[in-house]
Protein backbone atom coordinates (compact mmCIF):
# COMPACT_ATOMS: atom_id res chain seq x y z
CA MET A 1 -5.97 -48.42 14.80
CA VAL A 2 -8.92 -46.12 15.48
CA THR A 3 -9.91 -43.44 12.98
CA ALA A 4 -12.06 -40.53 14.10
CA TYR A 5 -13.24 -37.29 12.59
CA VAL A 6 -13.38 -34.26 14.86
CA LEU A 7 -15.74 -31.50 13.74
CA ILE A 8 -14.67 -28.19 15.23
CA LYS A 9 -16.70 -25.02 15.66
CA ALA A 10 -14.25 -22.14 15.89
CA ASN A 11 -13.98 -18.40 16.30
CA VAL A 12 -13.87 -17.61 12.57
CA PRO A 13 -11.20 -14.86 12.61
CA LEU A 14 -8.84 -17.41 14.22
CA VAL A 15 -9.69 -20.36 11.98
CA ASP A 16 -6.40 -20.48 10.06
CA ARG A 17 -4.35 -20.59 13.27
CA ILE A 18 -6.73 -23.11 14.83
CA ARG A 19 -6.46 -25.42 11.81
CA ASP A 20 -2.65 -25.18 11.87
CA THR A 21 -2.49 -25.87 15.61
CA VAL A 22 -4.87 -28.83 15.34
CA ALA A 23 -2.82 -30.26 12.46
CA GLU A 24 0.27 -30.32 14.71
CA LEU A 25 -1.36 -32.41 17.46
CA ASP A 26 -0.20 -35.99 17.95
CA GLY A 27 -2.56 -38.35 16.16
CA VAL A 28 -3.99 -35.76 13.77
CA VAL A 29 -3.22 -36.82 10.21
CA ASP A 30 -5.22 -34.14 8.37
CA ALA A 31 -7.10 -30.93 9.14
CA HIS A 32 -9.15 -28.77 6.78
CA ILE A 33 -11.14 -25.56 6.95
CA VAL A 34 -14.63 -26.25 5.59
CA ALA A 35 -17.75 -24.28 4.76
CA GLY A 36 -20.97 -24.73 6.71
CA ASP A 37 -21.91 -25.04 10.36
CA ILE A 38 -18.52 -26.55 11.21
CA ASP A 39 -15.31 -24.60 10.58
CA VAL A 40 -12.57 -27.28 10.74
CA ILE A 41 -12.60 -31.05 10.27
CA ALA A 42 -9.67 -33.06 11.58
CA LYS A 43 -8.91 -36.72 10.89
CA VAL A 44 -7.38 -38.52 13.87
CA GLU A 45 -5.66 -41.91 13.72
CA VAL A 46 -4.63 -43.35 17.09
CA ASP A 47 -4.39 -46.69 18.89
CA SER A 48 -7.58 -46.62 20.96
CA PRO A 49 -10.83 -44.78 21.66
CA ALA A 50 -9.21 -43.48 24.86
CA ALA A 51 -6.46 -41.92 22.75
CA VAL A 52 -9.12 -40.17 20.64
CA ARG A 53 -10.62 -38.75 23.83
CA GLU A 54 -7.18 -37.59 24.99
CA THR A 55 -6.44 -35.89 21.66
CA VAL A 56 -9.72 -34.01 21.77
CA ALA A 57 -9.90 -33.20 25.50
CA SER A 58 -6.24 -32.37 26.12
CA GLY A 59 -5.46 -31.07 22.65
CA VAL A 60 -8.23 -29.65 20.48
CA LEU A 61 -10.39 -28.26 23.29
CA THR A 62 -7.45 -26.43 24.86
CA ILE A 63 -6.81 -24.32 21.73
CA ASN A 64 -7.83 -20.70 22.09
CA GLY A 65 -10.78 -19.97 19.78
CA VAL A 66 -12.22 -23.50 19.69
CA GLU A 67 -15.87 -23.16 20.70
CA SER A 68 -17.04 -26.79 20.53
CA THR A 69 -16.33 -30.16 18.98
CA GLN A 70 -18.18 -33.26 17.79
CA THR A 71 -16.23 -36.49 17.46
CA HIS A 72 -17.27 -39.33 15.13
CA MET A 73 -15.36 -42.63 15.16
CA ALA A 74 -15.19 -44.62 11.94
CA MET A 75 -16.75 -48.08 12.08
CA GLU A 76 -14.67 -49.69 9.35
């Protein structure tokens, strides 16, 4: 199992909808709106690093209002 955290910069007026849409993606186990430079943090748990890439590239980045992402894979 691979755990990753996806930090999402979003169009702020759309942040509630973005968080809800991200939370519904396969592999996303949690998504929260946060304060600071990043608007949403999502926790992803999937079978492989390739599956993390697929979740971000074909899921998160296709959501209207998502401006950019940073993905950090857990090491333990």
